[in-house]
PDB file of all heavy atoms in Angstrom:
ATOM      1  N   LEU A   1      57.170 154.466 136.944  1.00  0.00           N
ATOM      2  CA  LEU A   1      57.312 154.042 135.550  1.00  0.00           C
ATOM      3  C   LEU A   1      58.555 154.648 134.918  1.00  0.00           C
ATOM      4  O   LEU A   1      59.270 153.982 134.155  1.00  0.00           O
ATOM      5  CB  LEU A   1      56.067 154.422 134.756  1.00  0.00           C
ATOM      6  CG  LEU A   1      54.742 153.787 135.210  1.00  0.00           C
ATOM      7  CD1 LEU A   1      53.608 154.254 134.329  1.00  0.00           C
ATOM      8  CD2 LEU A   1      54.839 152.264 135.205  1.00  0.00           C
ATOM      9  N   GLN A   2      58.810 155.899 135.251  1.00  0.00           N
ATOM     10  CA  GLN A   2      60.008 156.542 134.717  1.00  0.00           C
ATOM     11  C   GLN A   2      61.270 155.863 135.252  1.00  0.00           C
ATOM     12  O   GLN A   2      62.232 155.641 134.510  1.00  0.00           O
ATOM     13  CB  GLN A   2      60.018 158.034 135.093  1.00  0.00           C
ATOM     14  CG  GLN A   2      61.224 158.779 134.532  1.00  0.00           C
ATOM     15  CD  GLN A   2      61.213 160.251 134.931  1.00  0.00           C
ATOM     16  OE1 GLN A   2      60.327 160.713 135.631  1.00  0.00           O
ATOM     17  NE2 GLN A   2      62.210 160.979 134.485  1.00  0.00           N
ATOM     18  N   ASN A   3      61.257 155.523 136.536  1.00  0.00           N
ATOM     19  CA  ASN A   3      62.429 154.866 137.141  1.00  0.00           C
ATOM     20  C   ASN A   3      62.707 153.513 136.483  1.00  0.00           C
ATOM     21  O   ASN A   3      63.854 153.193 136.142  1.00  0.00           O
ATOM     22  CB  ASN A   3      62.198 154.667 138.644  1.00  0.00           C
ATOM     23  CG  ASN A   3      62.219 155.970 139.416  1.00  0.00           C
ATOM     24  OD1 ASN A   3      62.657 156.996 138.907  1.00  0.00           O
ATOM     25  ND2 ASN A   3      61.746 155.932 140.650  1.00  0.00           N
ATOM     26  N   VAL A   4      61.657 152.711 136.316  1.00  0.00           N
ATOM     27  CA  VAL A   4      61.833 151.387 135.722  1.00  0.00           C
ATOM     28  C   VAL A   4      62.251 151.513 134.264  1.00  0.00           C
ATOM     29  O   VAL A   4      63.138 150.797 133.780  1.00  0.00           O
ATOM     30  CB  VAL A   4      60.547 150.556 135.858  1.00  0.00           C
ATOM     31  CG1 VAL A   4      60.683 149.222 135.122  1.00  0.00           C
ATOM     32  CG2 VAL A   4      60.231 150.306 137.336  1.00  0.00           C
ATOM     33  N   GLY A   5      61.625 152.435 133.530  1.00  0.00           N
ATOM     34  CA  GLY A   5      61.993 152.651 132.133  1.00  0.00           C
ATOM     35  C   GLY A   5      63.435 153.091 131.987  1.00  0.00           C
ATOM     36  O   GLY A   5      64.162 152.618 131.100  1.00  0.00           O
ATOM     37  N   THR A   6      63.870 153.987 132.896  1.00  0.00           N
ATOM     38  CA  THR A   6      65.253 154.456 132.856  1.00  0.00           C
ATOM     39  C   THR A   6      66.222 153.321 133.180  1.00  0.00           C
ATOM     40  O   THR A   6      67.301 153.206 132.577  1.00  0.00           O
ATOM     41  CB  THR A   6      65.454 155.611 133.857  1.00  0.00           C
ATOM     42  OG1 THR A   6      64.565 156.683 133.515  1.00  0.00           O
ATOM     43  CG2 THR A   6      66.888 156.109 133.846  1.00  0.00           C
ATOM     44  N   TYR A   7      65.833 152.472 134.120  1.00  0.00           N
ATOM     45  CA  TYR A   7      66.677 151.325 134.491  1.00  0.00           C
ATOM     46  C   TYR A   7      66.875 150.403 133.296  1.00  0.00           C
ATOM     47  O   TYR A   7      67.989 149.928 133.031  1.00  0.00           O
ATOM     48  CB  TYR A   7      66.006 150.575 135.645  1.00  0.00           C
ATOM     49  CG  TYR A   7      66.851 149.483 136.257  1.00  0.00           C
ATOM     50  CD1 TYR A   7      67.667 149.739 137.352  1.00  0.00           C
ATOM     51  CD2 TYR A   7      66.824 148.184 135.742  1.00  0.00           C
ATOM     52  CE1 TYR A   7      68.445 148.724 137.916  1.00  0.00           C
ATOM     53  CE2 TYR A   7      67.594 147.166 136.309  1.00  0.00           C
ATOM     54  CZ  TYR A   7      68.400 147.449 137.391  1.00  0.00           C
ATOM     55  OH  TYR A   7      69.171 146.450 137.950  1.00  0.00           O
ATOM     56  N   ILE A   8      65.801 150.168 132.549  1.00  0.00           N
ATOM     57  CA  ILE A   8      65.898 149.295 131.372  1.00  0.00           C
ATOM     58  C   ILE A   8      66.795 149.915 130.302  1.00  0.00           C
ATOM     59  O   ILE A   8      67.639 149.236 129.694  1.00  0.00           O
ATOM     60  CB  ILE A   8      64.499 149.001 130.810  1.00  0.00           C
ATOM     61  CG1 ILE A   8      63.721 148.104 131.785  1.00  0.00           C
ATOM     62  CG2 ILE A   8      64.571 148.354 129.436  1.00  0.00           C
ATOM     63  CD1 ILE A   8      62.272 147.899 131.412  1.00  0.00           C
ATOM     64  N   LEU A   9      66.640 151.212 130.076  1.00  0.00           N
ATOM     65  CA  LEU A   9      67.493 151.881 129.085  1.00  0.00           C
ATOM     66  C   LEU A   9      68.957 151.828 129.495  1.00  0.00           C
ATOM     67  O   LEU A   9      69.852 151.694 128.644  1.00  0.00           O
ATOM     68  CB  LEU A   9      67.046 153.341 128.930  1.00  0.00           C
ATOM     69  CG  LEU A   9      65.742 153.586 128.174  1.00  0.00           C
ATOM     70  CD1 LEU A   9      65.357 155.068 128.239  1.00  0.00           C
ATOM     71  CD2 LEU A   9      65.883 153.152 126.722  1.00  0.00           C
ATOM     72  N   LYS A  10      69.218 151.921 130.790  1.00  0.00           N
ATOM     73  CA  LYS A  10      70.586 151.977 131.277  1.00  0.00           C
ATOM     74  C   LYS A  10      71.239 150.597 131.346  1.00  0.00           C
ATOM     75  O   LYS A  10      72.426 150.436 131.019  1.00  0.00           O
ATOM     76  CB  LYS A  10      70.588 152.633 132.667  1.00  0.00           C
ATOM     77  CG  LYS A  10      71.978 152.956 133.205  1.00  0.00           C
ATOM     78  CD  LYS A  10      71.871 153.747 134.503  1.00  0.00           C
ATOM     79  CE  LYS A  10      73.246 154.142 135.026  1.00  0.00           C
ATOM     80  NZ  LYS A  10      73.141 154.927 136.289  1.00  0.00           N
ATOM     81  N   TYR A  11      70.475 149.590 131.759  1.00  0.00           N
ATOM     82  CA  TYR A  11      71.071 148.279 132.014  1.00  0.00           C
ATOM     83  C   TYR A  11      70.494 147.149 131.150  1.00  0.00           C
ATOM     84  O   TYR A  11      70.880 145.986 131.320  1.00  0.00           O
ATOM     85  CB  TYR A  11      70.874 147.891 133.485  1.00  0.00           C
ATOM     86  CG  TYR A  11      71.486 148.869 134.460  1.00  0.00           C
ATOM     87  CD1 TYR A  11      70.679 149.578 135.343  1.00  0.00           C
ATOM     88  CD2 TYR A  11      72.858 149.074 134.499  1.00  0.00           C
ATOM     89  CE1 TYR A  11      71.231 150.469 136.247  1.00  0.00           C
ATOM     90  CE2 TYR A  11      73.417 149.960 135.400  1.00  0.00           C
ATOM     91  CZ  TYR A  11      72.601 150.666 136.275  1.00  0.00           C
ATOM     92  OH  TYR A  11      73.153 151.550 137.171  1.00  0.00           O
ATOM     93  N   GLY A  12      69.611 147.481 130.219  1.00  0.00           N
ATOM     94  CA  GLY A  12      68.975 146.443 129.417  1.00  0.00           C
ATOM     95  C   GLY A  12      69.937 145.578 128.640  1.00  0.00           C
ATOM     96  O   GLY A  12      69.690 144.373 128.430  1.00  0.00           O
ATOM     97  N   ASP A  13      71.079 146.135 128.226  1.00  0.00           N
ATOM     98  CA  ASP A  13      72.044 145.377 127.420  1.00  0.00           C
ATOM     99  C   ASP A  13      73.182 144.790 128.234  1.00  0.00           C
ATOM    100  O   ASP A  13      74.010 144.047 127.693  1.00  0.00           O
ATOM    101  CB  ASP A  13      72.630 146.277 126.326  1.00  0.00           C
ATOM    102  CG  ASP A  13      71.588 146.698 125.304  1.00  0.00           C
ATOM    103  OD1 ASP A  13      70.631 145.928 125.105  1.00  0.00           O
ATOM    104  OD2 ASP A  13      71.726 147.795 124.742  1.00  0.00           O
ATOM    105  N   THR A  14      73.265 145.136 129.527  1.00  0.00           N
ATOM    106  CA  THR A  14      74.400 144.679 130.324  1.00  0.00           C
ATOM    107  C   THR A  14      74.004 143.747 131.465  1.00  0.00           C
ATOM    108  O   THR A  14      74.773 142.864 131.843  1.00  0.00           O
ATOM    109  CB  THR A  14      75.165 145.881 130.912  1.00  0.00           C
ATOM    110  OG1 THR A  14      74.259 146.668 131.710  1.00  0.00           O
ATOM    111  CG2 THR A  14      75.753 146.741 129.802  1.00  0.00           C
ATOM    112  N   ARG A  15      72.830 143.928 132.020  1.00  0.00           N
ATOM    113  CA  ARG A  15      72.426 143.127 133.179  1.00  0.00           C
ATOM    114  C   ARG A  15      71.366 142.072 132.829  1.00  0.00           C
ATOM    115  O   ARG A  15      70.978 141.288 133.683  1.00  0.00           O
ATOM    116  CB  ARG A  15      71.894 144.036 134.293  1.00  0.00           C
ATOM    117  CG  ARG A  15      72.956 144.954 134.879  1.00  0.00           C
ATOM    118  CD  ARG A  15      72.450 145.661 136.119  1.00  0.00           C
ATOM    119  NE  ARG A  15      73.467 146.506 136.713  1.00  0.00           N
ATOM    120  CZ  ARG A  15      73.319 147.162 137.859  1.00  0.00           C
ATOM    121  NH1 ARG A  15      72.175 147.063 138.525  1.00  0.00           N
ATOM    122  NH2 ARG A  15      74.292 147.909 138.337  1.00  0.00           N
ATOM    123  N   PHE A  16      70.867 142.111 131.596  1.00  0.00           N
ATOM    124  CA  PHE A  16      69.867 141.131 131.149  1.00  0.00           C
ATOM    125  C   PHE A  16      70.462 140.324 129.990  1.00  0.00           C
ATOM    126  O   PHE A  16      71.173 140.870 129.139  1.00  0.00           O
ATOM    127  CB  PHE A  16      68.582 141.830 130.673  1.00  0.00           C
ATOM    128  CG  PHE A  16      67.845 142.575 131.751  1.00  0.00           C
ATOM    129  CD1 PHE A  16      68.216 143.869 132.102  1.00  0.00           C
ATOM    130  CD2 PHE A  16      66.776 141.992 132.410  1.00  0.00           C
ATOM    131  CE1 PHE A  16      67.537 144.564 133.082  1.00  0.00           C
ATOM    132  CE2 PHE A  16      66.087 142.680 133.404  1.00  0.00           C
ATOM    133  CZ  PHE A  16      66.472 143.972 133.736  1.00  0.00           C
ATOM    134  N   THR A  17      70.150 139.010 129.946  1.00  0.00           N
ATOM    135  CA  THR A  17      70.592 138.163 128.831  1.00  0.00           C
ATOM    136  C   THR A  17      69.391 137.407 128.273  1.00  0.00           C
ATOM    137  O   THR A  17      68.325 137.331 128.904  1.00  0.00           O
ATOM    138  CB  THR A  17      71.658 137.149 129.291  1.00  0.00           C
ATOM    139  OG1 THR A  17      71.104 136.307 130.319  1.00  0.00           O
ATOM    140  CG2 THR A  17      72.904 137.852 129.810  1.00  0.00           C
ATOM    141  N   ASP A  18      69.598 136.841 127.057  1.00  0.00           N
ATOM    142  CA  ASP A  18      68.520 136.119 126.368  1.00  0.00           C
ATOM    143  C   ASP A  18      68.165 134.858 127.160  1.00  0.00           C
ATOM    144  O   ASP A  18      69.020 134.009 127.448  1.00  0.00           O
ATOM    145  CB  ASP A  18      68.986 135.762 124.954  1.00  0.00           C
ATOM    146  CG  ASP A  18      67.870 135.178 124.105  1.00  0.00           C
ATOM    147  OD1 ASP A  18      66.777 134.888 124.663  1.00  0.00           O
ATOM    148  OD2 ASP A  18      68.094 135.029 122.899  1.00  0.00           O
ATOM    149  N   ARG A  19      66.907 134.742 127.521  1.00  0.00           N
ATOM    150  CA  ARG A  19      66.449 133.561 128.265  1.00  0.00           C
ATOM    151  C   ARG A  19      66.694 132.276 127.487  1.00  0.00           C
ATOM    152  O   ARG A  19      66.949 131.210 128.080  1.00  0.00           O
ATOM    153  CB  ARG A  19      64.963 133.735 128.579  1.00  0.00           C
ATOM    154  CG  ARG A  19      64.325 132.525 129.268  1.00  0.00           C
ATOM    155  CD  ARG A  19      62.812 132.608 129.214  1.00  0.00           C
ATOM    156  NE  ARG A  19      62.215 131.395 129.774  1.00  0.00           N
ATOM    157  CZ  ARG A  19      60.964 131.056 129.589  1.00  0.00           C
ATOM    158  NH1 ARG A  19      60.160 131.822 128.840  1.00  0.00           N
ATOM    159  NH2 ARG A  19      60.489 129.939 130.118  1.00  0.00           N
ATOM    160  N   ASN A  20      66.626 132.341 126.167  1.00  0.00           N
ATOM    161  CA  ASN A  20      66.763 131.151 125.325  1.00  0.00           C
ATOM    162  C   ASN A  20      68.215 130.843 124.958  1.00  0.00           C
ATOM    163  O   ASN A  20      68.477 129.946 124.187  1.00  0.00           O
ATOM    164  CB  ASN A  20      65.936 131.317 124.052  1.00  0.00           C
ATOM    165  CG  ASN A  20      64.453 131.458 124.367  1.00  0.00           C
ATOM    166  OD1 ASN A  20      63.940 130.719 125.216  1.00  0.00           O
ATOM    167  ND2 ASN A  20      63.792 132.379 123.700  1.00  0.00           N
ATOM    168  N   ASN A  21      69.148 131.614 125.490  1.00  0.00           N
ATOM    169  CA  ASN A  21      70.572 131.379 125.203  1.00  0.00           C
ATOM    170  C   ASN A  21      71.318 131.232 126.531  1.00  0.00           C
ATOM    171  O   ASN A  21      71.855 132.203 127.070  1.00  0.00           O
ATOM    172  CB  ASN A  21      71.140 132.542 124.391  1.00  0.00           C
ATOM    173  CG  ASN A  21      72.593 132.303 123.995  1.00  0.00           C
ATOM    174  OD1 ASN A  21      73.166 131.245 124.288  1.00  0.00           O
ATOM    175  ND2 ASN A  21      73.194 133.287 123.331  1.00  0.00           N
ATOM    176  N   PRO A  22      71.352 130.024 127.082  1.00  0.00           N
ATOM    177  CA  PRO A  22      71.966 129.818 128.408  1.00  0.00           C
ATOM    178  C   PRO A  22      73.455 130.100 128.434  1.00  0.00           C
ATOM    179  O   PRO A  22      74.030 130.285 129.517  1.00  0.00           O
ATOM    180  CB  PRO A  22      71.669 128.342 128.707  1.00  0.00           C
ATOM    181  CG  PRO A  22      71.462 127.706 127.365  1.00  0.00           C
ATOM    182  CD  PRO A  22      70.830 128.759 126.507  1.00  0.00           C
ATOM    183  N   ASN A  23      74.084 130.152 127.296  1.00  0.00           N
ATOM    184  CA  ASN A  23      75.528 130.405 127.262  1.00  0.00           C
ATOM    185  C   ASN A  23      75.870 131.888 127.385  1.00  0.00           C
ATOM    186  O   ASN A  23      77.028 132.245 127.633  1.00  0.00           O
ATOM    187  CB  ASN A  23      76.126 129.846 125.969  1.00  0.00           C
ATOM    188  CG  ASN A  23      76.000 128.330 125.889  1.00  0.00           C
ATOM    189  OD1 ASN A  23      76.151 127.650 126.914  1.00  0.00           O
ATOM    190  ND2 ASN A  23      75.725 127.814 124.696  1.00  0.00           N
ATOM    191  N   GLU A  24      74.884 132.762 127.195  1.00  0.00           N
ATOM    192  CA  GLU A  24      75.142 134.220 127.269  1.00  0.00           C
ATOM    193  C   GLU A  24      75.223 134.645 128.727  1.00  0.00           C
ATOM    194  O   GLU A  24      74.370 134.293 129.545  1.00  0.00           O
ATOM    195  CB  GLU A  24      74.031 134.988 126.547  1.00  0.00           C
ATOM    196  CG  GLU A  24      74.292 136.490 126.486  1.00  0.00           C
ATOM    197  CD  GLU A  24      73.180 137.238 125.769  1.00  0.00           C
ATOM    198  OE1 GLU A  24      72.208 136.591 125.326  1.00  0.00           O
ATOM    199  OE2 GLU A  24      73.269 138.484 125.678  1.00  0.00           O
ATOM    200  N   LYS A  25      76.277 135.381 129.057  1.00  0.00           N
ATOM    201  CA  LYS A  25      76.480 135.845 130.424  1.00  0.00           C
ATOM    202  C   LYS A  25      76.328 137.367 130.484  1.00  0.00           C
ATOM    203  O   LYS A  25      76.744 138.082 129.556  1.00  0.00           O
ATOM    204  CB  LYS A  25      77.883 135.470 130.922  1.00  0.00           C
ATOM    205  CG  LYS A  25      78.183 133.968 130.849  1.00  0.00           C
ATOM    206  CD  LYS A  25      77.249 133.163 131.746  1.00  0.00           C
ATOM    207  CE  LYS A  25      77.581 131.679 131.682  1.00  0.00           C
ATOM    208  NZ  LYS A  25      76.600 130.866 132.473  1.00  0.00           N
ATOM    209  N   PRO A  26      75.770 137.892 131.575  1.00  0.00           N
ATOM    210  CA  PRO A  26      75.636 139.353 131.703  1.00  0.00           C
ATOM    211  C   PRO A  26      77.000 140.010 131.911  1.00  0.00           C
ATOM    212  O   PRO A  26      77.924 139.388 132.477  1.00  0.00           O
ATOM    213  CB  PRO A  26      74.759 139.528 132.942  1.00  0.00           C
ATOM    214  CG  PRO A  26      74.990 138.296 133.755  1.00  0.00           C
ATOM    215  CD  PRO A  26      75.210 137.187 132.753  1.00  0.00           C
ATOM    216  N   ARG A  27      77.167 141.233 131.428  1.00  0.00           N
ATOM    217  CA  ARG A  27      78.430 141.949 131.566  1.00  0.00           C
ATOM    218  C   ARG A  27      78.541 142.661 132.919  1.00  0.00           C
ATOM    219  O   ARG A  27      79.544 143.285 133.217  1.00  0.00           O
ATOM    220  CB  ARG A  27      78.595 142.951 130.415  1.00  0.00           C
ATOM    221  CG  ARG A  27      78.675 142.294 129.048  1.00  0.00           C
ATOM    222  CD  ARG A  27      79.208 143.243 127.998  1.00  0.00           C
ATOM    223  NE  ARG A  27      78.334 144.376 127.756  1.00  0.00           N
ATOM    224  CZ  ARG A  27      77.312 144.361 126.898  1.00  0.00           C
ATOM    225  NH1 ARG A  27      77.054 143.246 126.198  1.00  0.00           N
ATOM    226  NH2 ARG A  27      76.567 145.418 126.715  1.00  0.00           N
ATOM    227  N   ALA A  28      77.479 142.614 133.701  1.00  0.00           N
ATOM    228  CA  ALA A  28      77.480 143.204 135.041  1.00  0.00           C
ATOM    229  C   ALA A  28      76.591 142.337 135.918  1.00  0.00           C
ATOM    230  O   ALA A  28      76.138 141.264 135.491  1.00  0.00           O
ATOM    231  CB  ALA A  28      76.962 144.647 134.986  1.00  0.00           C
ATOM    232  N   GLU A  29      76.366 142.783 137.141  1.00  0.00           N
ATOM    233  CA  GLU A  29      75.522 142.013 138.054  1.00  0.00           C
ATOM    234  C   GLU A  29      74.166 141.748 137.411  1.00  0.00           C
ATOM    235  O   GLU A  29      73.513 142.674 136.923  1.00  0.00           O
ATOM    236  CB  GLU A  29      75.341 142.788 139.361  1.00  0.00           C
ATOM    237  CG  GLU A  29      74.490 142.063 140.393  1.00  0.00           C
ATOM    238  CD  GLU A  29      74.285 142.888 141.641  1.00  0.00           C
ATOM    239  OE1 GLU A  29      74.864 144.001 141.731  1.00  0.00           O
ATOM    240  OE2 GLU A  29      73.547 142.448 142.537  1.00  0.00           O
ATOM    241  N   ARG A  30      73.735 140.490 137.428  1.00  0.00           N
ATOM    242  CA  ARG A  30      72.509 140.119 136.728  1.00  0.00           C
ATOM    243  C   ARG A  30      71.284 140.757 137.378  1.00  0.00           C
ATOM    244  O   ARG A  30      71.104 140.735 138.595  1.00  0.00           O
ATOM    245  CB  ARG A  30      72.338 138.598 136.686  1.00  0.00           C
ATOM    246  CG  ARG A  30      71.089 138.163 135.906  1.00  0.00           C
ATOM    247  CD  ARG A  30      70.926 136.668 135.885  1.00  0.00           C
ATOM    248  NE  ARG A  30      71.948 135.995 135.084  1.00  0.00           N
ATOM    249  CZ  ARG A  30      71.921 135.912 133.766  1.00  0.00           C
ATOM    250  NH1 ARG A  30      70.925 136.504 133.083  1.00  0.00           N
ATOM    251  NH2 ARG A  30      72.861 135.270 133.116  1.00  0.00           N
ATOM    252  N   ALA A  31      70.409 141.306 136.500  1.00  0.00           N
ATOM    253  CA  ALA A  31      69.119 141.828 136.948  1.00  0.00           C
ATOM    254  C   ALA A  31      67.977 140.947 136.472  1.00  0.00           C
ATOM    255  O   ALA A  31      66.857 141.070 136.958  1.00  0.00           O
ATOM    256  CB  ALA A  31      68.921 143.251 136.420  1.00  0.00           C
ATOM    257  N   GLY A  32      68.267 140.054 135.489  1.00  0.00           N
ATOM    258  CA  GLY A  32      67.242 139.165 134.977  1.00  0.00           C
ATOM    259  C   GLY A  32      67.552 138.714 133.569  1.00  0.00           C
ATOM    260  O   GLY A  32      68.722 138.663 133.154  1.00  0.00           O
ATOM    261  N   TRP A  33      66.501 138.392 132.823  1.00  0.00           N
ATOM    262  CA  TRP A  33      66.637 137.929 131.438  1.00  0.00           C
ATOM    263  C   TRP A  33      65.648 138.706 130.571  1.00  0.00           C
ATOM    264  O   TRP A  33      64.841 139.508 131.076  1.00  0.00           O
ATOM    265  CB  TRP A  33      66.311 136.435 131.354  1.00  0.00           C
ATOM    266  CG  TRP A  33      67.322 135.573 132.041  1.00  0.00           C
ATOM    267  CD1 TRP A  33      68.346 134.884 131.476  1.00  0.00           C
ATOM    268  CD2 TRP A  33      67.385 135.268 133.447  1.00  0.00           C
ATOM    269  NE1 TRP A  33      69.066 134.188 132.403  1.00  0.00           N
ATOM    270  CE2 TRP A  33      68.488 134.403 133.632  1.00  0.00           C
ATOM    271  CE3 TRP A  33      66.612 135.650 134.560  1.00  0.00           C
ATOM    272  CZ2 TRP A  33      68.846 133.933 134.883  1.00  0.00           C
ATOM    273  CZ3 TRP A  33      66.983 135.169 135.807  1.00  0.00           C
ATOM    274  CH2 TRP A  33      68.079 134.310 135.962  1.00  0.00           C
ATOM    275  N   TYR A  34      65.754 138.516 129.289  1.00  0.00           N
ATOM    276  CA  TYR A  34      64.732 139.086 128.387  1.00  0.00           C
ATOM    277  C   TYR A  34      64.263 137.990 127.446  1.00  0.00           C
ATOM    278  O   TYR A  34      64.940 136.978 127.220  1.00  0.00           O
ATOM    279  CB  TYR A  34      65.257 140.292 127.608  1.00  0.00           C
ATOM    280  CG  TYR A  34      66.409 140.008 126.669  1.00  0.00           C
ATOM    281  CD1 TYR A  34      66.196 139.457 125.394  1.00  0.00           C
ATOM    282  CD2 TYR A  34      67.713 140.320 127.038  1.00  0.00           C
ATOM    283  CE1 TYR A  34      67.248 139.194 124.536  1.00  0.00           C
ATOM    284  CE2 TYR A  34      68.772 140.069 126.185  1.00  0.00           C
ATOM    285  CZ  TYR A  34      68.537 139.513 124.933  1.00  0.00           C
ATOM    286  OH  TYR A  34      69.582 139.264 124.089  1.00  0.00           O
ATOM    287  N   GLN A  35      63.080 138.225 126.912  1.00  0.00           N
ATOM    288  CA  GLN A  35      62.511 137.271 125.956  1.00  0.00           C
ATOM    289  C   GLN A  35      61.904 138.064 124.818  1.00  0.00           C
ATOM    290  O   GLN A  35      61.076 138.959 125.045  1.00  0.00           O
ATOM    291  CB  GLN A  35      61.438 136.413 126.635  1.00  0.00           C
ATOM    292  CG  GLN A  35      60.753 135.433 125.676  1.00  0.00           C
ATOM    293  CD  GLN A  35      59.851 134.467 126.424  1.00  0.00           C
ATOM    294  OE1 GLN A  35      60.306 133.713 127.271  1.00  0.00           O
ATOM    295  NE2 GLN A  35      58.557 134.502 126.091  1.00  0.00           N
ATOM    296  N   ASP A  36      62.335 137.770 123.599  1.00  0.00           N
ATOM    297  CA  ASP A  36      61.825 138.465 122.421  1.00  0.00           C
ATOM    298  C   ASP A  36      60.648 137.697 121.846  1.00  0.00           C
ATOM    299  O   ASP A  36      60.766 136.502 121.515  1.00  0.00           O
ATOM    300  CB  ASP A  36      62.927 138.605 121.365  1.00  0.00           C
ATOM    301  CG  ASP A  36      64.023 139.554 121.813  1.00  0.00           C
ATOM    302  OD1 ASP A  36      63.701 140.507 122.551  1.00  0.00           O
ATOM    303  OD2 ASP A  36      65.197 139.345 121.450  1.00  0.00           O
ATOM    304  N   ASN A  37      59.519 138.380 121.747  1.00  0.00           N
ATOM    305  CA  ASN A  37      58.317 137.830 121.096  1.00  0.00           C
ATOM    306  C   ASN A  37      57.993 138.712 119.906  1.00  0.00           C
ATOM    307  O   ASN A  37      57.591 139.865 120.082  1.00  0.00           O
ATOM    308  CB  ASN A  37      57.131 137.799 122.065  1.00  0.00           C
ATOM    309  CG  ASN A  37      57.367 136.851 123.232  1.00  0.00           C
ATOM    310  OD1 ASN A  37      58.199 135.955 123.129  1.00  0.00           O
ATOM    311  ND2 ASN A  37      56.640 137.052 124.310  1.00  0.00           N
ATOM    312  N   ASP A  38      58.161 138.178 118.731  1.00  0.00           N
ATOM    313  CA  ASP A  38      57.992 138.983 117.512  1.00  0.00           C
ATOM    314  C   ASP A  38      58.932 140.178 117.598  1.00  0.00           C
ATOM    315  O   ASP A  38      60.134 140.016 117.687  1.00  0.00           O
ATOM    316  CB  ASP A  38      56.531 139.398 117.333  1.00  0.00           C
ATOM    317  CG  ASP A  38      55.620 138.181 117.158  1.00  0.00           C
ATOM    318  OD1 ASP A  38      56.089 137.179 116.580  1.00  0.00           O
ATOM    319  OD2 ASP A  38      54.457 138.223 117.621  1.00  0.00           O
ATOM    320  N   ASP A  39      58.364 141.398 117.592  1.00  0.00           N
ATOM    321  CA  ASP A  39      59.251 142.566 117.638  1.00  0.00           C
ATOM    322  C   ASP A  39      59.141 143.299 118.978  1.00  0.00           C
ATOM    323  O   ASP A  39      59.415 144.490 119.082  1.00  0.00           O
ATOM    324  CB  ASP A  39      58.938 143.534 116.492  1.00  0.00           C
ATOM    325  CG  ASP A  39      57.491 143.987 116.507  1.00  0.00           C
ATOM    326  OD1 ASP A  39      56.704 143.431 117.305  1.00  0.00           O
ATOM    327  OD2 ASP A  39      57.157 144.900 115.732  1.00  0.00           O
ATOM    328  N   GLU A  40      58.731 142.598 120.019  1.00  0.00           N
ATOM    329  CA  GLU A  40      58.685 143.211 121.344  1.00  0.00           C
ATOM    330  C   GLU A  40      59.580 142.420 122.296  1.00  0.00           C
ATOM    331  O   GLU A  40      59.754 141.212 122.156  1.00  0.00           O
ATOM    332  CB  GLU A  40      57.255 143.265 121.881  1.00  0.00           C
ATOM    333  CG  GLU A  40      56.630 141.910 122.156  1.00  0.00           C
ATOM    334  CD  GLU A  40      55.182 142.021 122.597  1.00  0.00           C
ATOM    335  OE1 GLU A  40      54.565 143.065 122.335  1.00  0.00           O
ATOM    336  OE2 GLU A  40      54.671 141.061 123.200  1.00  0.00           O
ATOM    337  N   ARG A  41      60.154 143.134 123.257  1.00  0.00           N
ATOM    338  CA  ARG A  41      61.058 142.503 124.217  1.00  0.00           C
ATOM    339  C   ARG A  41      60.474 142.645 125.621  1.00  0.00           C
ATOM    340  O   ARG A  41      60.176 143.747 126.089  1.00  0.00           O
ATOM    341  CB  ARG A  41      62.440 143.129 124.157  1.00  0.00           C
ATOM    342  CG  ARG A  41      63.420 142.616 125.225  1.00  0.00           C
ATOM    343  CD  ARG A  41      64.843 143.019 124.915  1.00  0.00           C
ATOM    344  NE  ARG A  41      65.360 142.290 123.748  1.00  0.00           N
ATOM    345  CZ  ARG A  41      66.612 142.386 123.302  1.00  0.00           C
ATOM    346  NH1 ARG A  41      67.466 143.192 123.921  1.00  0.00           N
ATOM    347  NH2 ARG A  41      67.004 141.697 122.245  1.00  0.00           N
ATOM    348  N   ILE A  42      60.338 141.499 126.285  1.00  0.00           N
ATOM    349  CA  ILE A  42      59.840 141.473 127.651  1.00  0.00           C
ATOM    350  C   ILE A  42      61.035 141.241 128.577  1.00  0.00           C
ATOM    351  O   ILE A  42      61.861 140.355 128.341  1.00  0.00           O
ATOM    352  CB  ILE A  42      58.793 140.360 127.847  1.00  0.00           C
ATOM    353  CG1 ILE A  42      57.624 140.564 126.884  1.00  0.00           C
ATOM    354  CG2 ILE A  42      58.308 140.325 129.294  1.00  0.00           C
ATOM    355  CD1 ILE A  42      56.618 139.435 126.905  1.00  0.00           C
ATOM    356  N   TYR A  43      61.123 142.064 129.647  1.00  0.00           N
ATOM    357  CA  TYR A  43      62.216 141.952 130.602  1.00  0.00           C
ATOM    358  C   TYR A  43      61.740 141.157 131.813  1.00  0.00           C
ATOM    359  O   TYR A  43      60.717 141.479 132.424  1.00  0.00           O
ATOM    360  CB  TYR A  43      62.717 143.337 131.020  1.00  0.00           C
ATOM    361  CG  TYR A  43      63.397 144.056 129.877  1.00  0.00           C
ATOM    362  CD1 TYR A  43      62.663 144.849 128.990  1.00  0.00           C
ATOM    363  CD2 TYR A  43      64.765 143.916 129.665  1.00  0.00           C
ATOM    364  CE1 TYR A  43      63.272 145.488 127.927  1.00  0.00           C
ATOM    365  CE2 TYR A  43      65.390 144.561 128.602  1.00  0.00           C
ATOM    366  CZ  TYR A  43      64.633 145.345 127.739  1.00  0.00           C
ATOM    367  OH  TYR A  43      65.251 145.972 126.686  1.00  0.00           O
TER     368      TYR A  43
END
């Protein structure tokens, strides 16, 4: 859990892009997408 949490903190803004915005490109090698539901973010 610590490893995955640390990975998200480190790469959440660079390797993940908004699933609902196909024009957004990751700034590094893609790890996946994120989806915002209300005030929570699912990776």
